[in-house]
């Protein structure tokens, strides 16, 4: 997959590519916290990889900082499996 393009167009392109390469995609949001100009969220993505037929589970943690209602910075941590 190509490098992620930032902004709304990048998110749309990422989702289209994710759905094209995987089936049975399920996203579960486990936690969301906010404080002043930041929001943190922990979520998992489960999907079946079309090429291998294997189930893939990834847990992600992200923190976004907002300026004027838009994401100015984002930090992410991801790892296989659930935690």
Protein backbone atom coordinates (compact mmCIF):
# COMPACT_ATOMS: atom_id res chain seq x y z
CA UNK A 1 0.00 0.00 0.00
CA UNK A 2 1.27 3.48 -0.85
CA UNK A 3 2.22 6.05 1.76
CA UNK A 4 -0.80 7.55 3.55
CA UNK A 5 -1.98 10.88 2.13
CA UNK A 6 -3.02 13.40 4.80
CA UNK A 7 -6.39 15.14 4.98
CA UNK A 8 -9.94 14.01 4.14
CA UNK A 9 -8.96 12.77 0.67
CA UNK A 10 -6.19 10.64 2.17
CA UNK A 11 -8.58 9.07 4.68
CA UNK A 12 -11.09 8.25 1.93
CA UNK A 13 -8.36 6.73 -0.26
CA UNK A 14 -7.02 4.69 2.67
CA UNK A 15 -10.47 3.27 3.47
CA UNK A 16 -11.16 2.41 -0.18
CA UNK A 17 -7.81 0.60 -0.42
CA UNK A 18 -8.38 -1.20 2.90
CA UNK A 19 -11.78 -2.46 1.74
CA UNK A 20 -10.37 -3.43 -1.67
CA UNK A 21 -7.61 -5.60 -0.14
CA UNK A 22 -9.60 -7.07 2.76
CA UNK A 23 -13.05 -8.47 3.49
CA UNK A 24 -15.17 -8.59 6.62
CA UNK A 25 -13.57 -5.41 7.98
CA UNK A 26 -14.74 -4.59 11.50
CA UNK A 27 -13.63 -1.55 13.51
CA UNK A 28 -14.33 -1.43 17.25
CA UNK A 29 -13.70 1.68 19.34
CA UNK A 30 -12.74 0.67 22.89
CA UNK A 31 -11.89 4.01 24.56
CA UNK A 32 -12.06 7.74 23.76
CA UNK A 33 -10.67 10.47 26.04
CA UNK A 34 -10.32 14.21 25.44
CA UNK A 35 -8.50 17.02 27.19
CA UNK A 36 -8.34 20.61 25.94
CA UNK A 37 -7.10 20.39 22.33
CA UNK A 38 -6.34 16.64 22.26
CA UNK A 39 -8.29 13.43 21.88
CA UNK A 40 -6.98 9.90 22.49
CA UNK A 41 -8.67 6.78 21.26
CA UNK A 42 -7.97 3.04 21.32
CA UNK A 43 -9.55 0.91 18.65
CA UNK A 44 -9.16 -2.46 16.95
CA UNK A 45 -9.50 -3.50 13.32
CA UNK A 46 -10.31 -7.11 12.38
CA UNK A 47 -10.37 -8.21 8.75
CA UNK A 48 -9.75 -11.08 6.38
CA UNK A 49 -6.80 -10.58 4.04
CA UNK A 50 -7.98 -11.43 0.49
CA UNK A 51 -4.55 -12.59 -0.70
CA UNK A 52 -3.90 -15.08 2.13
CA UNK A 53 -7.42 -15.73 3.43
CA UNK A 54 -6.07 -15.20 6.96
CA UNK A 55 -7.80 -13.19 9.66
CA UNK A 56 -5.85 -10.09 10.71
CA UNK A 57 -6.34 -8.31 14.04
CA UNK A 58 -4.63 -5.01 14.83
CA UNK A 59 -5.00 -2.81 17.92
CA UNK A 60 -4.29 0.90 17.55
CA UNK A 61 -3.86 3.83 19.91
CA UNK A 62 -3.96 7.34 18.50
CA UNK A 63 -3.69 10.85 19.93
CA UNK A 64 -4.81 13.81 17.81
CA UNK A 65 -4.17 17.50 18.48
CA UNK A 66 -6.70 19.92 17.01
CA UNK A 67 -6.28 23.51 15.80
CA UNK A 68 -9.33 25.40 14.52
CA UNK A 69 -11.39 22.20 14.46
CA UNK A 70 -8.92 20.22 12.31
CA UNK A 71 -6.27 17.67 13.16
CA UNK A 72 -2.92 19.46 13.32
CA UNK A 73 -0.85 16.52 14.63
CA UNK A 74 -1.39 12.82 15.20
CA UNK A 75 0.61 10.15 16.99
CA UNK A 76 -0.19 6.45 16.54
CA UNK A 77 0.88 3.15 17.98
CA UNK A 78 -0.27 -0.12 16.46
CA UNK A 79 0.45 -3.77 17.12
CA UNK A 80 -0.94 -7.10 15.96
CA UNK A 81 -3.51 -8.79 18.18
CA UNK A 82 -5.71 -7.39 20.90
CA UNK A 83 -4.57 -5.73 24.13
